[in-house]
N, C-alpha and C. Protein backbone atom coordinates (compact mmCIF):
# COMPACT_ATOMS: atom_id res chain seq x y z
N MET A 1 -64.55 -46.14 -26.82
CA MET A 1 -65.08 -45.65 -25.82
C MET A 1 -64.27 -43.54 -25.95
N ARG A 2 -65.95 -42.98 -25.79
CA ARG A 2 -65.27 -41.61 -26.20
C ARG A 2 -64.85 -41.07 -24.29
N THR A 3 -63.39 -39.77 -24.59
CA THR A 3 -63.19 -38.97 -23.61
C THR A 3 -63.94 -37.54 -23.72
N THR A 4 -63.90 -37.20 -22.63
CA THR A 4 -64.16 -35.38 -22.86
C THR A 4 -63.45 -34.68 -22.71
N GLY A 5 -62.94 -33.84 -23.10
CA GLY A 5 -61.97 -32.73 -22.87
C GLY A 5 -61.43 -32.53 -21.49
N GLY A 6 -63.20 -32.00 -20.89
CA GLY A 6 -63.04 -31.71 -19.21
C GLY A 6 -62.53 -33.27 -18.49
N LEU A 7 -62.56 -34.26 -18.53
CA LEU A 7 -61.73 -35.44 -18.00
C LEU A 7 -60.78 -34.91 -18.24
N ALA A 8 -60.13 -35.15 -19.56
CA ALA A 8 -58.91 -35.16 -19.56
C ALA A 8 -57.92 -34.19 -19.18
N ALA A 9 -58.93 -33.05 -18.92
CA ALA A 9 -57.98 -31.60 -18.23
C ALA A 9 -58.41 -31.82 -16.54
N VAL A 10 -59.01 -32.49 -15.98
CA VAL A 10 -59.38 -33.05 -14.83
C VAL A 10 -58.07 -34.02 -14.32
N VAL A 11 -57.64 -34.99 -14.94
CA VAL A 11 -56.88 -35.57 -15.20
C VAL A 11 -55.32 -35.26 -15.03
N LEU A 12 -55.20 -34.10 -16.14
CA LEU A 12 -53.79 -33.26 -16.39
C LEU A 12 -53.76 -32.50 -14.74
N THR A 13 -54.41 -31.43 -14.46
CA THR A 13 -54.69 -31.12 -13.03
C THR A 13 -54.62 -31.82 -11.80
N ALA A 14 -54.70 -33.16 -11.59
CA ALA A 14 -54.83 -33.81 -10.71
C ALA A 14 -52.92 -34.07 -10.20
N ALA A 15 -52.68 -34.58 -12.05
CA ALA A 15 -51.73 -35.44 -12.19
C ALA A 15 -50.06 -33.65 -11.63
N THR A 16 -50.72 -32.51 -12.52
CA THR A 16 -49.68 -31.43 -12.10
C THR A 16 -49.65 -30.92 -10.41
N LEU A 17 -50.93 -31.29 -9.43
CA LEU A 17 -50.56 -31.03 -8.47
C LEU A 17 -49.83 -31.93 -7.12
N VAL A 18 -50.39 -33.08 -7.74
CA VAL A 18 -49.49 -34.31 -6.88
C VAL A 18 -48.06 -33.72 -7.35
N GLY A 19 -47.61 -33.48 -8.41
CA GLY A 19 -46.19 -33.14 -8.66
C GLY A 19 -45.90 -32.01 -7.67
N CYS A 20 -46.77 -31.01 -7.58
CA CYS A 20 -46.69 -29.84 -6.91
C CYS A 20 -45.92 -29.95 -5.57
N GLY A 21 -46.61 -30.87 -5.00
CA GLY A 21 -46.86 -31.27 -3.87
C GLY A 21 -45.42 -31.75 -3.30
N THR A 22 -44.19 -32.04 -4.02
CA THR A 22 -42.59 -32.28 -3.74
C THR A 22 -41.81 -31.92 -3.57
N ALA A 23 -41.92 -30.34 -3.70
CA ALA A 23 -41.09 -29.31 -4.11
C ALA A 23 -41.07 -28.40 -2.77
N SER A 24 -39.53 -28.39 -2.37
CA SER A 24 -38.65 -27.92 -1.35
C SER A 24 -39.00 -26.72 -0.85
N PRO A 25 -38.86 -26.31 0.11
CA PRO A 25 -39.45 -25.04 0.40
C PRO A 25 -37.80 -24.32 0.11
N VAL A 26 -38.20 -22.55 -0.12
CA VAL A 26 -37.71 -22.08 -0.77
C VAL A 26 -36.93 -21.38 0.48
N SER A 27 -35.76 -21.51 -0.03
CA SER A 27 -34.15 -21.02 1.07
C SER A 27 -34.30 -19.65 0.76
N PRO A 28 -33.55 -19.05 2.42
CA PRO A 28 -33.73 -17.35 2.20
C PRO A 28 -32.48 -17.09 1.52
N PRO A 29 -32.45 -15.94 1.16
CA PRO A 29 -31.11 -15.60 0.05
C PRO A 29 -29.43 -15.47 1.82
N THR A 30 -28.61 -15.94 1.36
CA THR A 30 -27.39 -16.15 2.32
C THR A 30 -26.36 -15.69 1.43
N GLY A 31 -25.06 -15.62 1.98
CA GLY A 31 -23.82 -15.66 1.49
C GLY A 31 -24.22 -13.55 0.58
N ILE A 32 -23.94 -13.51 -0.37
CA ILE A 32 -23.87 -12.68 -1.59
C ILE A 32 -25.12 -12.23 -2.07
N ASP A 33 -26.12 -13.21 -2.04
CA ASP A 33 -27.39 -12.90 -3.19
C ASP A 33 -28.03 -11.63 -2.43
N GLU A 34 -27.74 -11.45 -1.37
CA GLU A 34 -28.45 -9.52 -1.17
C GLU A 34 -28.06 -8.80 -1.63
N LEU A 35 -26.39 -8.62 -2.24
CA LEU A 35 -25.47 -7.79 -1.69
C LEU A 35 -25.85 -7.75 -3.36
N VAL A 36 -25.48 -6.32 -3.84
CA VAL A 36 -25.29 -5.44 -5.02
C VAL A 36 -24.23 -5.43 -5.54
N VAL A 37 -23.54 -6.09 -6.45
CA VAL A 37 -22.24 -6.20 -6.55
C VAL A 37 -21.92 -5.81 -8.09
N PRO A 38 -21.06 -4.74 -8.71
CA PRO A 38 -20.32 -4.00 -7.88
C PRO A 38 -21.63 -2.86 -7.01
N THR A 39 -20.95 -2.20 -6.22
CA THR A 39 -21.90 -1.46 -5.56
C THR A 39 -21.51 0.20 -6.25
N PRO A 40 -22.22 0.03 -6.85
CA PRO A 40 -22.62 2.15 -7.32
C PRO A 40 -22.57 3.23 -6.61
N SER A 41 -23.64 2.77 -5.60
CA SER A 41 -23.35 4.16 -4.22
C SER A 41 -23.79 3.48 -3.15
N PRO A 42 -21.92 3.83 -2.06
CA PRO A 42 -22.31 2.63 -0.53
C PRO A 42 -22.62 3.73 -0.05
N ALA A 43 -23.35 3.30 1.30
CA ALA A 43 -23.46 4.25 1.97
C ALA A 43 -22.72 3.68 3.11
N PRO A 44 -21.84 5.46 3.72
CA PRO A 44 -21.06 5.32 4.85
C PRO A 44 -21.44 4.62 5.84
N GLU A 45 -22.62 4.57 6.44
CA GLU A 45 -23.31 3.84 7.41
C GLU A 45 -23.05 2.26 7.28
N ASP A 46 -22.98 1.47 5.96
CA ASP A 46 -22.96 0.30 6.39
C ASP A 46 -21.56 -0.40 6.73
N PHE A 47 -20.75 0.72 6.99
CA PHE A 47 -19.08 0.43 6.92
C PHE A 47 -18.68 -0.14 8.92
N VAL A 48 -17.55 -0.25 8.60
CA VAL A 48 -17.40 -0.37 10.39
C VAL A 48 -15.87 0.15 10.15
N ASP A 49 -15.32 0.14 11.41
CA ASP A 49 -13.84 0.54 11.10
C ASP A 49 -13.12 -0.46 11.21
N GLY A 50 -12.13 -0.81 10.57
CA GLY A 50 -10.95 -2.18 10.47
C GLY A 50 -11.83 -3.31 10.01
N ILE A 51 -11.10 -4.24 9.43
CA ILE A 51 -11.70 -5.75 9.12
C ILE A 51 -11.13 -6.05 9.44
N ASP A 52 -12.16 -7.82 9.85
CA ASP A 52 -11.72 -8.62 10.57
C ASP A 52 -12.45 -9.41 10.03
N ASN A 53 -12.59 -10.17 8.88
CA ASN A 53 -13.06 -10.71 8.28
C ASN A 53 -12.48 -12.63 8.12
N PRO A 54 -12.70 -13.55 8.51
CA PRO A 54 -11.27 -14.45 8.64
C PRO A 54 -10.98 -15.37 7.35
N TRP A 55 -11.79 -14.95 6.29
CA TRP A 55 -11.31 -15.15 4.91
C TRP A 55 -10.22 -13.93 3.64
N PHE A 56 -10.18 -13.33 4.84
CA PHE A 56 -9.59 -11.93 4.00
C PHE A 56 -8.58 -11.72 4.32
N GLY A 57 -7.22 -12.39 3.28
CA GLY A 57 -6.04 -11.91 3.83
C GLY A 57 -5.21 -11.18 2.71
N ALA A 58 -5.64 -9.88 2.86
CA ALA A 58 -4.94 -8.88 1.91
C ALA A 58 -3.61 -8.88 2.00
N ALA A 59 -2.97 -8.85 0.77
CA ALA A 59 -1.28 -8.58 1.17
C ALA A 59 -1.01 -7.19 1.32
N GLY A 60 0.07 -7.46 2.34
CA GLY A 60 0.84 -5.86 2.51
C GLY A 60 -0.01 -5.47 3.93
N GLU A 61 1.12 -4.54 4.57
CA GLU A 61 0.59 -3.91 5.96
C GLU A 61 -0.32 -2.83 5.96
N PRO A 62 -0.98 -3.07 7.02
CA PRO A 62 -2.02 -1.31 6.71
C PRO A 62 -1.54 -0.08 7.00
N GLY A 63 -1.47 0.85 6.24
CA GLY A 63 -1.15 1.90 5.81
C GLY A 63 -2.22 2.98 6.21
N GLY A 64 -2.59 2.93 7.38
CA GLY A 64 -3.73 3.68 7.72
C GLY A 64 -5.10 3.83 7.08
N THR A 65 -5.73 4.88 6.69
CA THR A 65 -7.43 4.88 6.89
C THR A 65 -7.24 5.64 5.38
N ALA A 66 -8.04 5.98 4.62
CA ALA A 66 -8.74 7.26 3.49
C ALA A 66 -10.09 6.95 3.36
N GLU A 67 -10.25 8.15 2.82
CA GLU A 67 -11.66 8.32 2.16
C GLU A 67 -11.42 8.20 0.69
N VAL A 68 -12.85 6.85 0.21
CA VAL A 68 -12.80 6.73 -0.60
C VAL A 68 -14.48 6.75 -0.80
N ASP A 69 -15.07 7.52 -2.31
CA ASP A 69 -16.37 7.62 -1.88
C ASP A 69 -17.15 7.29 -1.13
N GLY A 70 -16.56 8.71 -0.22
CA GLY A 70 -17.46 8.56 1.03
C GLY A 70 -17.32 7.56 1.93
N VAL A 71 -16.35 6.46 2.24
CA VAL A 71 -16.10 5.63 2.79
C VAL A 71 -14.58 5.67 2.83
N THR A 72 -14.68 5.74 4.70
CA THR A 72 -13.42 5.51 5.11
C THR A 72 -12.67 3.72 5.02
N VAL A 73 -12.21 4.03 4.40
CA VAL A 73 -11.59 2.98 4.34
C VAL A 73 -9.87 2.32 4.90
N THR A 74 -9.89 1.04 4.71
CA THR A 74 -8.09 0.87 5.25
C THR A 74 -7.32 0.78 4.23
N VAL A 75 -6.88 1.10 4.20
CA VAL A 75 -4.99 1.33 2.87
C VAL A 75 -4.19 0.03 3.38
N LEU A 76 -4.15 -1.25 2.25
CA LEU A 76 -3.62 -2.31 2.45
C LEU A 76 -2.53 -2.30 0.88
N GLY A 77 -1.26 -2.14 1.30
CA GLY A 77 -0.04 -2.74 -0.08
C GLY A 77 -0.90 -1.52 -0.91
N GLY A 78 -0.64 -0.38 -0.81
CA GLY A 78 -1.42 0.54 -1.37
C GLY A 78 -3.30 0.30 -2.48
N ASP A 79 -3.65 -1.01 -2.08
CA ASP A 79 -5.59 -0.88 -1.80
C ASP A 79 -6.00 -0.75 -1.05
N TYR A 80 -7.49 0.04 -1.38
CA TYR A 80 -8.71 0.89 -0.55
C TYR A 80 -9.33 -0.58 -0.12
N TYR A 81 -9.80 -0.98 1.00
CA TYR A 81 -10.84 -2.18 1.81
C TYR A 81 -11.77 -1.45 2.47
N ALA A 82 -12.77 -1.54 2.65
CA ALA A 82 -13.66 -1.07 3.83
C ALA A 82 -14.41 -2.76 4.18
N GLN A 83 -14.72 -2.76 5.17
CA GLN A 83 -15.58 -4.33 5.80
C GLN A 83 -17.07 -3.65 5.84
N ASP A 84 -17.95 -4.14 5.51
CA ASP A 84 -19.29 -4.14 5.87
C ASP A 84 -19.70 -4.72 7.21
N ARG A 85 -20.94 -4.01 7.74
CA ARG A 85 -21.23 -4.31 9.18
C ARG A 85 -21.56 -6.21 9.15
N ARG A 86 -22.08 -6.56 7.62
CA ARG A 86 -22.37 -8.21 7.89
C ARG A 86 -20.83 -8.90 7.66
N GLY A 87 -19.93 -8.44 7.14
CA GLY A 87 -18.66 -9.02 8.12
C GLY A 87 -17.89 -8.72 6.48
N ASN A 88 -19.04 -8.60 4.82
CA ASN A 88 -18.05 -8.80 3.71
C ASN A 88 -16.93 -7.58 3.46
N VAL A 89 -15.81 -7.72 2.80
CA VAL A 89 -15.35 -6.98 2.38
C VAL A 89 -15.19 -6.23 1.49
N TRP A 90 -15.02 -4.83 0.54
CA TRP A 90 -15.34 -4.78 -0.57
C TRP A 90 -13.92 -3.99 -0.72
N TRP A 91 -13.52 -4.03 -1.83
CA TRP A 91 -12.38 -3.19 -2.53
C TRP A 91 -12.60 -1.84 -3.49
N PHE A 92 -12.21 -0.67 -2.91
CA PHE A 92 -12.97 0.09 -3.61
C PHE A 92 -11.63 1.12 -4.00
N GLY A 93 -10.65 0.46 -4.44
CA GLY A 93 -9.50 0.76 -5.61
C GLY A 93 -8.24 0.41 -5.12
N THR A 94 -7.19 1.19 -6.29
CA THR A 94 -5.36 1.20 -5.58
C THR A 94 -5.05 2.13 -6.30
N GLU A 95 -4.16 2.70 -4.83
CA GLU A 95 -3.66 4.09 -5.04
C GLU A 95 -2.85 4.49 -6.22
N GLY A 96 -3.39 5.38 -7.17
CA GLY A 96 -2.82 5.95 -7.82
C GLY A 96 -3.19 5.83 -8.96
N GLU A 97 -4.48 4.41 -8.95
CA GLU A 97 -4.75 3.79 -10.49
C GLU A 97 -6.10 4.10 -10.32
N TRP A 98 -6.87 3.44 -9.74
CA TRP A 98 -8.45 3.99 -9.68
C TRP A 98 -9.29 3.98 -8.29
N GLU A 99 -9.95 4.51 -8.32
CA GLU A 99 -10.86 4.87 -7.06
C GLU A 99 -12.45 4.53 -7.50
N ALA A 100 -13.06 4.00 -6.62
CA ALA A 100 -14.63 4.00 -6.55
C ALA A 100 -14.80 5.03 -6.63
N GLY A 101 -16.14 5.65 -7.16
CA GLY A 101 -16.48 6.60 -7.44
C GLY A 101 -16.18 7.73 -8.24
N VAL A 102 -14.86 7.79 -9.26
CA VAL A 102 -14.57 8.35 -10.04
C VAL A 102 -14.43 7.78 -11.34
N ASP A 103 -15.06 8.41 -12.30
CA ASP A 103 -14.85 7.87 -13.58
C ASP A 103 -15.61 6.29 -14.20
N GLY A 104 -16.52 5.92 -13.54
CA GLY A 104 -17.63 4.97 -13.76
C GLY A 104 -16.98 4.32 -12.96
N ALA A 105 -15.73 3.91 -12.44
CA ALA A 105 -15.12 3.02 -11.06
C ALA A 105 -16.10 2.61 -9.68
N GLN A 106 -16.52 1.90 -9.51
CA GLN A 106 -17.21 0.99 -8.47
C GLN A 106 -16.70 0.04 -7.93
N ALA A 107 -16.98 0.10 -6.51
CA ALA A 107 -16.45 -0.61 -5.50
C ALA A 107 -17.30 -2.05 -5.71
N GLY A 108 -16.24 -2.95 -5.66
CA GLY A 108 -16.86 -4.80 -5.75
C GLY A 108 -16.27 -5.19 -4.37
N LEU A 109 -16.97 -7.36 -4.53
CA LEU A 109 -16.78 -7.60 -3.81
C LEU A 109 -14.77 -8.02 -3.10
N ALA A 110 -14.19 -8.03 -2.48
CA ALA A 110 -13.00 -8.60 -2.13
C ALA A 110 -13.41 -9.99 -1.44
N MET A 111 -14.13 -10.45 -0.62
CA MET A 111 -14.40 -11.20 0.21
C MET A 111 -15.47 -11.00 0.61
N PRO A 112 -17.02 -12.29 0.63
CA PRO A 112 -18.15 -12.57 1.42
C PRO A 112 -17.08 -12.71 2.84
N ALA A 113 -18.36 -12.25 3.49
CA ALA A 113 -18.36 -13.68 4.95
C ALA A 113 -18.22 -14.29 4.86
N GLU A 114 -19.33 -14.68 4.49
CA GLU A 114 -19.79 -16.14 4.17
C GLU A 114 -19.06 -16.79 2.97
N PRO A 115 -18.31 -16.93 2.48
CA PRO A 115 -18.32 -17.55 1.25
C PRO A 115 -18.94 -19.09 0.98
N ARG A 116 -19.50 -19.22 -0.26
CA ARG A 116 -20.00 -20.67 -0.34
C ARG A 116 -19.17 -21.17 -1.85
N TYR A 117 -19.56 -22.39 -2.07
CA TYR A 117 -19.25 -22.88 -3.00
C TYR A 117 -19.58 -22.58 -4.19
N GLY A 118 -19.36 -22.20 -5.10
CA GLY A 118 -20.29 -21.96 -6.66
C GLY A 118 -20.62 -20.62 -6.58
N ASP A 119 -20.13 -19.91 -5.20
CA ASP A 119 -20.65 -18.31 -5.24
C ASP A 119 -19.84 -18.06 -5.96
N SER A 120 -19.83 -16.77 -6.88
CA SER A 120 -19.33 -15.69 -7.95
C SER A 120 -20.20 -14.18 -7.80
N TRP A 121 -18.78 -13.55 -8.00
CA TRP A 121 -18.81 -12.27 -7.49
C TRP A 121 -17.80 -10.75 -8.69
N ARG A 122 -18.31 -9.66 -8.79
CA ARG A 122 -17.03 -8.75 -9.70
C ARG A 122 -16.52 -8.24 -7.99
N THR A 123 -15.20 -8.40 -8.22
CA THR A 123 -14.35 -7.41 -7.84
C THR A 123 -14.30 -6.54 -7.90
N ALA A 124 -14.37 -5.62 -8.96
CA ALA A 124 -14.98 -4.33 -9.43
C ALA A 124 -14.99 -3.74 -10.04
N TYR A 125 -15.48 -2.68 -10.66
CA TYR A 125 -15.37 -2.67 -11.42
C TYR A 125 -15.21 -1.29 -12.08
N VAL A 126 -14.20 -1.46 -13.59
CA VAL A 126 -13.52 0.05 -13.98
C VAL A 126 -14.09 -0.10 -15.29
N PRO A 127 -14.79 0.35 -15.92
CA PRO A 127 -14.90 0.19 -17.64
C PRO A 127 -13.61 -0.09 -18.42
N GLY A 128 -13.17 -0.74 -19.12
CA GLY A 128 -12.12 -1.10 -19.77
C GLY A 128 -11.03 -1.34 -19.07
N GLU A 129 -10.81 -1.24 -18.02
CA GLU A 129 -10.02 -1.65 -17.17
C GLU A 129 -9.87 -2.81 -16.21
N VAL A 130 -10.57 -2.78 -15.46
CA VAL A 130 -11.12 -4.13 -14.08
C VAL A 130 -12.85 -4.45 -14.30
N GLU A 131 -12.56 -5.81 -14.72
CA GLU A 131 -14.24 -5.99 -15.10
C GLU A 131 -13.64 -7.59 -14.23
N ASP A 132 -13.32 -8.05 -13.40
CA ASP A 132 -12.50 -9.45 -12.96
C ASP A 132 -13.70 -9.99 -12.28
N VAL A 133 -14.07 -11.46 -12.37
CA VAL A 133 -15.00 -11.68 -11.78
C VAL A 133 -14.33 -13.45 -10.97
N ALA A 134 -14.66 -13.14 -9.37
CA ALA A 134 -14.06 -14.62 -8.88
C ALA A 134 -14.97 -15.26 -8.58
N ALA A 135 -14.72 -16.67 -8.41
CA ALA A 135 -15.65 -17.41 -8.33
C ALA A 135 -14.69 -18.55 -7.30
N VAL A 136 -15.71 -19.24 -5.93
CA VAL A 136 -15.05 -20.20 -5.22
C VAL A 136 -15.37 -21.22 -5.86
N THR A 137 -14.63 -22.12 -6.68
CA THR A 137 -14.67 -23.41 -7.11
C THR A 137 -13.99 -24.17 -6.66
N GLU A 138 -13.67 -24.63 -5.02
CA GLU A 138 -12.98 -25.44 -4.08
C GLU A 138 -13.49 -24.88 -2.74
N MET A 139 -13.49 -25.72 -1.87
CA MET A 139 -14.13 -25.37 -0.26
C MET A 139 -14.19 -26.68 0.61
N ASP A 140 -13.50 -26.28 1.63
CA ASP A 140 -13.86 -26.79 2.78
C ASP A 140 -13.65 -25.82 3.97
N GLU A 141 -13.93 -26.88 5.07
CA GLU A 141 -13.93 -25.64 5.87
C GLU A 141 -13.04 -24.63 6.99
N ASP A 142 -11.96 -24.89 6.14
CA ASP A 142 -10.81 -24.02 6.33
C ASP A 142 -10.43 -23.06 5.02
N THR A 143 -10.48 -23.74 4.17
CA THR A 143 -9.83 -23.28 2.52
C THR A 143 -10.27 -23.00 1.50
N ILE A 144 -10.39 -22.07 0.78
CA ILE A 144 -11.62 -21.56 0.24
C ILE A 144 -10.30 -21.90 -1.43
N VAL A 145 -10.61 -22.12 -2.78
CA VAL A 145 -9.71 -21.93 -3.97
C VAL A 145 -10.52 -20.64 -4.55
N LEU A 146 -10.27 -19.68 -5.07
CA LEU A 146 -11.02 -18.79 -5.93
C LEU A 146 -10.58 -18.65 -7.43
N GLU A 147 -10.96 -18.69 -8.53
CA GLU A 147 -10.63 -18.67 -9.51
C GLU A 147 -11.33 -16.96 -10.20
N THR A 148 -10.31 -16.19 -10.95
CA THR A 148 -10.51 -15.47 -11.00
C THR A 148 -10.54 -14.84 -12.75
N THR A 149 -11.75 -14.59 -13.74
CA THR A 149 -11.56 -14.39 -15.10
C THR A 149 -12.05 -12.71 -15.04
N SER A 150 -11.78 -12.66 -16.45
CA SER A 150 -12.17 -11.36 -16.57
C SER A 150 -12.19 -11.24 -18.45
N PRO A 151 -13.47 -10.60 -18.69
CA PRO A 151 -13.50 -10.78 -20.10
C PRO A 151 -12.55 -9.96 -20.91
N LEU A 152 -11.79 -9.20 -19.99
CA LEU A 152 -10.98 -8.17 -20.83
C LEU A 152 -9.74 -9.06 -21.17
N ASP A 153 -9.08 -10.22 -20.52
CA ASP A 153 -8.48 -10.98 -20.73
C ASP A 153 -9.35 -12.50 -21.10
N PRO A 154 -9.18 -12.29 -22.11
CA PRO A 154 -10.40 -13.96 -22.47
C PRO A 154 -9.50 -15.12 -22.28
N GLY A 155 -9.74 -16.09 -21.17
CA GLY A 155 -9.01 -17.11 -21.31
C GLY A 155 -8.09 -17.32 -20.22
N ARG A 156 -7.77 -16.16 -19.85
CA ARG A 156 -6.90 -15.64 -18.71
C ARG A 156 -8.03 -16.49 -17.02
N VAL A 157 -6.96 -17.28 -16.55
CA VAL A 157 -7.68 -17.91 -14.99
C VAL A 157 -7.05 -17.60 -14.25
N GLU A 158 -6.97 -17.20 -12.78
CA GLU A 158 -6.25 -16.74 -11.84
C GLU A 158 -6.79 -17.28 -10.53
N ARG A 159 -5.73 -18.65 -10.05
CA ARG A 159 -6.31 -19.82 -8.94
C ARG A 159 -5.98 -18.75 -8.40
N ARG A 160 -6.11 -18.90 -6.56
CA ARG A 160 -5.90 -18.72 -5.42
C ARG A 160 -6.61 -19.46 -4.43
N THR A 161 -5.63 -19.34 -3.30
CA THR A 161 -6.12 -20.84 -2.33
C THR A 161 -6.12 -19.15 -1.44
N VAL A 162 -7.21 -19.35 -0.46
CA VAL A 162 -7.37 -18.72 1.03
C VAL A 162 -6.86 -19.43 1.90
N ASP A 163 -6.37 -19.49 2.91
CA ASP A 163 -7.02 -20.16 4.15
C ASP A 163 -7.66 -19.30 4.82
N LYS A 164 -8.62 -20.05 6.25
CA LYS A 164 -9.35 -19.10 6.91
C LYS A 164 -8.35 -18.73 7.94
N ARG A 165 -8.20 -17.80 9.00
CA ARG A 165 -7.65 -17.10 9.58
C ARG A 165 -8.67 -17.53 10.94
N ASP A 166 -8.03 -17.39 12.31
CA ASP A 166 -8.80 -18.40 13.26
C ASP A 166 -8.57 -16.94 14.27
């Protein structure tokens, strides 16, 4: 018995359509999906006064505020941080070392508002100095474990546990 190319095409098309019907709907972006990290040009109006992200546990006492790359930042232990309207905390530099907006440096993400297992992000970008990438490698409702790596120091992995503040 001979089959024609047309019949084979109909069978193939039918099989393809049946397979397509089982796909799950596309999920909307959440977490860091919609962020540009590092951010080359932060908009000051996107940031709020103070930091209340429950996942952000920076060391150091608040040391006032400063303006970095047009954004009012909170100074904590010599580092510059600012929280955006969605609750993400951004790292804008380290006093006396680097600042976003100077010599190609860009603010990176210190802590997302709602970290998820598997998320990763650039903590900042200073060409040849700070090119770290943090990743959530373990997580439960009260604790996350971050692993930070850098192409500038291959093989180095810093592991840090962060507890959620209430």
